[in-house]
PDB file of N, CA and C in Angstrom:
ATOM      1  N   UNK A   1     232.876  36.837 123.603  1.00  0.00           N
ATOM      2  CA  UNK A   1     233.693  35.720 123.184  1.00  0.00           C
ATOM      3  C   UNK A   1     234.999  35.795 123.974  1.00  0.00           C
ATOM      4  N   UNK A   2     235.367  34.694 124.573  1.00  0.00           N
ATOM      5  CA  UNK A   2     236.605  34.667 125.348  1.00  0.00           C
ATOM      6  C   UNK A   2     237.811  34.664 124.416  1.00  0.00           C
ATOM      7  N   UNK A   3     238.921  35.023 124.976  1.00  0.00           N
ATOM      8  CA  UNK A   3     240.170  35.015 124.232  1.00  0.00           C
ATOM      9  C   UNK A   3     240.483  33.606 123.721  1.00  0.00           C
ATOM     10  N   UNK A   4     240.308  32.607 124.577  1.00  0.00           N
ATOM     11  CA  UNK A   4     240.561  31.220 124.158  1.00  0.00           C
ATOM     12  C   UNK A   4     239.623  30.801 123.033  1.00  0.00           C
ATOM     13  N   UNK A   5     238.359  31.192 123.138  1.00  0.00           N
ATOM     14  CA  UNK A   5     237.407  30.806 122.101  1.00  0.00           C
ATOM     15  C   UNK A   5     237.740  31.482 120.775  1.00  0.00           C
ATOM     16  N   UNK A   6     238.152  32.741 120.822  1.00  0.00           N
ATOM     17  CA  UNK A   6     238.548  33.423 119.586  1.00  0.00           C
ATOM     18  C   UNK A   6     239.684  32.658 118.920  1.00  0.00           C
ATOM     19  N   UNK A   7     240.659  32.257 119.699  1.00  0.00           N
ATOM     20  CA  UNK A   7     241.782  31.493 119.138  1.00  0.00           C
ATOM     21  C   UNK A   7     241.326  30.149 118.580  1.00  0.00           C
ATOM     22  N   UNK A   8     240.427  29.466 119.292  1.00  0.00           N
ATOM     23  CA  UNK A   8     239.897  28.186 118.812  1.00  0.00           C
ATOM     24  C   UNK A   8     239.176  28.357 117.480  1.00  0.00           C
ATOM     25  N   UNK A   9     238.344  29.384 117.401  1.00  0.00           N
ATOM     26  CA  UNK A   9     237.567  29.608 116.183  1.00  0.00           C
ATOM     27  C   UNK A   9     238.490  29.949 115.017  1.00  0.00           C
ATOM     28  N   UNK A  10     239.466  30.813 115.241  1.00  0.00           N
ATOM     29  CA  UNK A  10     240.393  31.144 114.159  1.00  0.00           C
ATOM     30  C   UNK A  10     241.142  29.906 113.682  1.00  0.00           C
ATOM     31  N   UNK A  11     241.551  29.052 114.602  1.00  0.00           N
ATOM     32  CA  UNK A  11     242.238  27.815 114.218  1.00  0.00           C
ATOM     33  C   UNK A  11     241.307  26.904 113.427  1.00  0.00           C
ATOM     34  N   UNK A  12     240.069  26.778 113.871  1.00  0.00           N
ATOM     35  CA  UNK A  12     239.098  25.939 113.169  1.00  0.00           C
ATOM     36  C   UNK A  12     238.844  26.450 111.755  1.00  0.00           C
ATOM     37  N   UNK A  13     238.767  27.755 111.615  1.00  0.00           N
ATOM     38  CA  UNK A  13     238.526  28.362 110.307  1.00  0.00           C
ATOM     39  C   UNK A  13     239.792  28.436 109.459  1.00  0.00           C
ATOM     40  N   UNK A  14     240.933  28.142 110.092  1.00  0.00           N
ATOM     41  CA  UNK A  14     242.240  28.246 109.432  1.00  0.00           C
ATOM     42  C   UNK A  14     242.515  29.679 108.985  1.00  0.00           C
ATOM     43  N   UNK A  15     242.129  30.613 109.850  1.00  0.00           N
ATOM     44  CA  UNK A  15     242.342  32.034 109.602  1.00  0.00           C
ATOM     45  C   UNK A  15     243.399  32.561 110.556  1.00  0.00           C
ATOM     46  N   UNK A  16     244.197  33.446 110.045  1.00  0.00           N
ATOM     47  CA  UNK A  16     245.101  34.208 110.894  1.00  0.00           C
ATOM     48  C   UNK A  16     244.330  35.419 111.422  1.00  0.00           C
ATOM     49  N   UNK A  17     244.946  36.138 112.331  1.00  0.00           N
ATOM     50  CA  UNK A  17     244.332  37.381 112.792  1.00  0.00           C
ATOM     51  C   UNK A  17     244.196  38.352 111.623  1.00  0.00           C
ATOM     52  N   UNK A  18     245.191  38.390 110.761  1.00  0.00           N
ATOM     53  CA  UNK A  18     245.134  39.259 109.591  1.00  0.00           C
ATOM     54  C   UNK A  18     244.020  38.821 108.643  1.00  0.00           C
ATOM     55  N   UNK A  19     243.822  37.512 108.507  1.00  0.00           N
ATOM     56  CA  UNK A  19     242.736  37.019 107.669  1.00  0.00           C
ATOM     57  C   UNK A  19     241.375  37.462 108.192  1.00  0.00           C
ATOM     58  N   UNK A  20     241.215  37.437 109.505  1.00  0.00           N
ATOM     59  CA  UNK A  20     239.964  37.915 110.099  1.00  0.00           C
ATOM     60  C   UNK A  20     239.797  39.403 109.833  1.00  0.00           C
ATOM     61  N   UNK A  21     240.867  40.165 110.014  1.00  0.00           N
ATOM     62  CA  UNK A  21     240.801  41.598 109.748  1.00  0.00           C
ATOM     63  C   UNK A  21     240.436  41.863 108.290  1.00  0.00           C
ATOM     64  N   UNK A  22     240.995  41.082 107.382  1.00  0.00           N
ATOM     65  CA  UNK A  22     240.651  41.239 105.960  1.00  0.00           C
ATOM     66  C   UNK A  22     239.176  40.936 105.718  1.00  0.00           C
ATOM     67  N   UNK A  23     238.676  39.861 106.330  1.00  0.00           N
ATOM     68  CA  UNK A  23     237.268  39.502 106.160  1.00  0.00           C
ATOM     69  C   UNK A  23     236.348  40.585 106.698  1.00  0.00           C
ATOM     70  N   UNK A  24     236.760  41.215 107.785  1.00  0.00           N
ATOM     71  CA  UNK A  24     235.949  42.262 108.404  1.00  0.00           C
ATOM     72  C   UNK A  24     236.216  43.644 107.799  1.00  0.00           C
ATOM     73  N   UNK A  25     237.218  43.692 106.918  1.00  0.00           N
ATOM     74  CA  UNK A  25     237.622  44.969 106.315  1.00  0.00           C
ATOM     75  C   UNK A  25     237.920  46.009 107.390  1.00  0.00           C
ATOM     76  N   UNK A  26     238.731  45.582 108.370  1.00  0.00           N
ATOM     77  CA  UNK A  26     239.124  46.482 109.455  1.00  0.00           C
ATOM     78  C   UNK A  26     240.635  46.449 109.622  1.00  0.00           C
ATOM     79  N   UNK A  27     241.143  47.363 110.391  1.00  0.00           N
ATOM     80  CA  UNK A  27     242.566  47.441 110.681  1.00  0.00           C
ATOM     81  C   UNK A  27     242.969  46.200 111.479  1.00  0.00           C
ATOM     82  N   UNK A  28     244.043  45.556 111.069  1.00  0.00           N
ATOM     83  CA  UNK A  28     244.456  44.335 111.771  1.00  0.00           C
ATOM     84  C   UNK A  28     244.887  44.607 113.204  1.00  0.00           C
ATOM     85  N   UNK A  29     245.191  45.850 113.542  1.00  0.00           N
ATOM     86  CA  UNK A  29     245.534  46.163 114.933  1.00  0.00           C
ATOM     87  C   UNK A  29     244.336  45.961 115.855  1.00  0.00           C
ATOM     88  N   UNK A  30     243.137  46.174 115.335  1.00  0.00           N
ATOM     89  CA  UNK A  30     241.928  45.946 116.128  1.00  0.00           C
ATOM     90  C   UNK A  30     241.809  44.467 116.489  1.00  0.00           C
ATOM     91  N   UNK A  31     241.997  43.606 115.519  1.00  0.00           N
ATOM     92  CA  UNK A  31     241.914  42.157 115.766  1.00  0.00           C
ATOM     93  C   UNK A  31     243.031  41.717 116.701  1.00  0.00           C
ATOM     94  N   UNK A  32     244.217  42.289 116.559  1.00  0.00           N
ATOM     95  CA  UNK A  32     245.318  41.953 117.477  1.00  0.00           C
ATOM     96  C   UNK A  32     244.970  42.341 118.906  1.00  0.00           C
ATOM     97  N   UNK A  33     244.265  43.457 119.080  1.00  0.00           N
ATOM     98  CA  UNK A  33     243.833  43.843 120.436  1.00  0.00           C
ATOM     99  C   UNK A  33     242.859  42.814 120.990  1.00  0.00           C
ATOM    100  N   UNK A  34     241.932  42.362 120.166  1.00  0.00           N
ATOM    101  CA  UNK A  34     240.994  41.335 120.635  1.00  0.00           C
ATOM    102  C   UNK A  34     241.754  40.075 121.034  1.00  0.00           C
ATOM    103  N   UNK A  35     242.702  39.671 120.188  1.00  0.00           N
ATOM    104  CA  UNK A  35     243.433  38.418 120.420  1.00  0.00           C
ATOM    105  C   UNK A  35     244.385  38.504 121.607  1.00  0.00           C
ATOM    106  N   UNK A  36     244.756  39.708 121.990  1.00  0.00           N
ATOM    107  CA  UNK A  36     245.647  39.861 123.144  1.00  0.00           C
ATOM    108  C   UNK A  36     244.868  40.091 124.432  1.00  0.00           C
ATOM    109  N   UNK A  37     243.550  40.245 124.322  1.00  0.00           N
ATOM    110  CA  UNK A  37     242.734  40.495 125.497  1.00  0.00           C
ATOM    111  C   UNK A  37     242.614  41.966 125.850  1.00  0.00           C
ATOM    112  N   UNK A  38     243.166  42.845 125.004  1.00  0.00           N
ATOM    113  CA  UNK A  38     243.100  44.281 125.266  1.00  0.00           C
ATOM    114  C   UNK A  38     241.799  44.917 124.784  1.00  0.00           C
ATOM    115  N   UNK A  39     240.965  44.129 124.154  1.00  0.00           N
ATOM    116  CA  UNK A  39     239.671  44.617 123.681  1.00  0.00           C
ATOM    117  C   UNK A  39     238.705  43.461 123.590  1.00  0.00           C
ATOM    118  N   UNK A  40     237.436  43.777 123.490  1.00  0.00           N
ATOM    119  CA  UNK A  40     236.401  42.741 123.406  1.00  0.00           C
ATOM    120  C   UNK A  40     235.895  42.610 121.980  1.00  0.00           C
ATOM    121  N   UNK A  41     235.698  41.383 121.564  1.00  0.00           N
ATOM    122  CA  UNK A  41     235.099  41.130 120.262  1.00  0.00           C
ATOM    123  C   UNK A  41     233.645  41.597 120.331  1.00  0.00           C
ATOM    124  N   UNK A  42     233.223  42.456 119.411  1.00  0.00           N
ATOM    125  CA  UNK A  42     231.837  42.904 119.433  1.00  0.00           C
ATOM    126  C   UNK A  42     230.867  41.720 119.311  1.00  0.00           C
ATOM    127  N   UNK A  43     229.723  41.799 119.987  1.00  0.00           N
ATOM    128  CA  UNK A  43     228.782  40.671 119.982  1.00  0.00           C
ATOM    129  C   UNK A  43     228.387  40.203 118.585  1.00  0.00           C
ATOM    130  N   UNK A  44     228.192  41.133 117.647  1.00  0.00           N
ATOM    131  CA  UNK A  44     227.778  40.723 116.303  1.00  0.00           C
ATOM    132  C   UNK A  44     228.907  39.998 115.567  1.00  0.00           C
ATOM    133  N   UNK A  45     230.141  40.369 115.838  1.00  0.00           N
ATOM    134  CA  UNK A  45     231.276  39.664 115.238  1.00  0.00           C
ATOM    135  C   UNK A  45     231.419  38.293 115.883  1.00  0.00           C
ATOM    136  N   UNK A  46     231.272  38.221 117.191  1.00  0.00           N
ATOM    137  CA  UNK A  46     231.358  36.938 117.893  1.00  0.00           C
ATOM    138  C   UNK A  46     230.289  35.969 117.394  1.00  0.00           C
ATOM    139  N   UNK A  47     229.071  36.456 117.205  1.00  0.00           N
ATOM    140  CA  UNK A  47     227.987  35.598 116.711  1.00  0.00           C
ATOM    141  C   UNK A  47     228.293  35.095 115.304  1.00  0.00           C
ATOM    142  N   UNK A  48     228.812  35.967 114.463  1.00  0.00           N
ATOM    143  CA  UNK A  48     229.170  35.592 113.096  1.00  0.00           C
ATOM    144  C   UNK A  48     230.267  34.529 113.106  1.00  0.00           C
ATOM    145  N   UNK A  49     231.298  34.738 113.932  1.00  0.00           N
ATOM    146  CA  UNK A  49     232.378  33.758 114.026  1.00  0.00           C
ATOM    147  C   UNK A  49     231.877  32.416 114.539  1.00  0.00           C
ATOM    148  N   UNK A  50     230.990  32.443 115.536  1.00  0.00           N
ATOM    149  CA  UNK A  50     230.433  31.186 116.056  1.00  0.00           C
ATOM    150  C   UNK A  50     229.630  30.462 114.978  1.00  0.00           C
ATOM    151  N   UNK A  51     228.877  31.207 114.166  1.00  0.00           N
ATOM    152  CA  UNK A  51     228.105  30.589 113.085  1.00  0.00           C
ATOM    153  C   UNK A  51     229.033  29.947 112.060  1.00  0.00           C
ATOM    154  N   UNK A  52     230.129  30.622 111.725  1.00  0.00           N
ATOM    155  CA  UNK A  52     231.104  30.047 110.791  1.00  0.00           C
ATOM    156  C   UNK A  52     231.761  28.807 111.385  1.00  0.00           C
ATOM    157  N   UNK A  53     232.120  28.880 112.662  1.00  0.00           N
ATOM    158  CA  UNK A  53     232.738  27.729 113.325  1.00  0.00           C
ATOM    159  C   UNK A  53     231.787  26.545 113.343  1.00  0.00           C
ATOM    160  N   UNK A  54     230.526  26.811 113.627  1.00  0.00           N
ATOM    161  CA  UNK A  54     229.526  25.745 113.638  1.00  0.00           C
ATOM    162  C   UNK A  54     229.407  25.098 112.265  1.00  0.00           C
ATOM    163  N   UNK A  55     229.378  25.920 111.228  1.00  0.00           N
ATOM    164  CA  UNK A  55     229.283  25.386 109.862  1.00  0.00           C
ATOM    165  C   UNK A  55     230.500  24.527 109.527  1.00  0.00           C
ATOM    166  N   UNK A  56     231.679  24.959 109.937  1.00  0.00           N
ATOM    167  CA  UNK A  56     232.891  24.186 109.668  1.00  0.00           C
ATOM    168  C   UNK A  56     232.904  22.885 110.465  1.00  0.00           C
ATOM    169  N   UNK A  57     232.424  22.919 111.696  1.00  0.00           N
ATOM    170  CA  UNK A  57     232.385  21.698 112.503  1.00  0.00           C
ATOM    171  C   UNK A  57     231.389  20.692 111.931  1.00  0.00           C
ATOM    172  N   UNK A  58     230.272  21.184 111.403  1.00  0.00           N
ATOM    173  CA  UNK A  58     229.254  20.290 110.844  1.00  0.00           C
ATOM    174  C   UNK A  58     229.598  19.800 109.438  1.00  0.00           C
ATOM    175  N   UNK A  59     230.545  20.469 108.786  1.00  0.00           N
ATOM    176  CA  UNK A  59     230.889  20.125 107.403  1.00  0.00           C
ATOM    177  C   UNK A  59     232.401  20.019 107.228  1.00  0.00           C
ATOM    178  N   UNK A  60     232.999  18.990 107.821  1.00  0.00           N
ATOM    179  CA  UNK A  60     234.457  18.848 107.693  1.00  0.00           C
ATOM    180  C   UNK A  60     234.834  18.462 106.258  1.00  0.00           C
ATOM    181  N   UNK A  61     236.089  18.651 105.902  1.00  0.00           N
ATOM    182  CA  UNK A  61     236.539  18.224 104.574  1.00  0.00           C
ATOM    183  C   UNK A  61     236.360  16.714 104.423  1.00  0.00           C
ATOM    184  N   UNK A  62     236.161  16.248 103.207  1.00  0.00           N
ATOM    185  CA  UNK A  62     236.013  14.815 103.003  1.00  0.00           C
ATOM    186  C   UNK A  62     237.297  14.078 103.362  1.00  0.00           C
ATOM    187  N   UNK A  63     237.141  12.980 104.055  1.00  0.00           N
ATOM    188  CA  UNK A  63     238.304  12.189 104.491  1.00  0.00           C
ATOM    189  C   UNK A  63     238.723  11.227 103.383  1.00  0.00           C
ATOM    190  N   UNK A  64     239.998  11.086 103.215  1.00  0.00           N
ATOM    191  CA  UNK A  64     240.547  10.084 102.304  1.00  0.00           C
ATOM    192  C   UNK A  64     240.417  10.375 100.833  1.00  0.00           C
ATOM    193  N   UNK A  65     239.986  11.548 100.454  1.00  0.00           N
ATOM    194  CA  UNK A  65     239.780  11.808  99.033  1.00  0.00           C
ATOM    195  C   UNK A  65     241.075  11.788  98.233  1.00  0.00           C
ATOM    196  N   UNK A  66     242.182  12.152  98.853  1.00  0.00           N
ATOM    197  CA  UNK A  66     243.444  12.193  98.116  1.00  0.00           C
ATOM    198  C   UNK A  66     243.924  10.791  97.753  1.00  0.00           C
ATOM    199  N   UNK A  67     243.667   9.834  98.605  1.00  0.00           N
ATOM    200  CA  UNK A  67     244.086   8.456  98.307  1.00  0.00           C
ATOM    201  C   UNK A  67     243.323   7.925  97.092  1.00  0.00           C
ATOM    202  N   UNK A  68     242.067   8.272  96.992  1.00  0.00           N
ATOM    203  CA  UNK A  68     241.246   7.771  95.874  1.00  0.00           C
ATOM    204  C   UNK A  68     241.524   8.529  94.588  1.00  0.00           C
ATOM    205  N   UNK A  69     241.992   9.777  94.671  1.00  0.00           N
ATOM    206  CA  UNK A  69     242.207  10.607  93.489  1.00  0.00           C
ATOM    207  C   UNK A  69     243.506  10.266  92.780  1.00  0.00           C
ATOM    208  N   UNK A  70     244.394   9.567  93.449  1.00  0.00           N
ATOM    209  CA  UNK A  70     245.721   9.294  92.863  1.00  0.00           C
ATOM    210  C   UNK A  70     245.679   8.282  91.795  1.00  0.00           C
TER     211      UNK A  70
END
């Protein structure tokens, strides 16, 4: 997973680097290394993130619901 793609996926998921570290139950310094390009995202983590990103892209939040709820 490229550095740019990692950033895109985190933005799509609305996760911070710390949020990803929490989800993975790992030290946030590891995720910071990935995000800075000092380390590579493991293939199994990259695949998992891509699957989550795909699910979020295919299932966006409902549009306009707040206008109707008021």
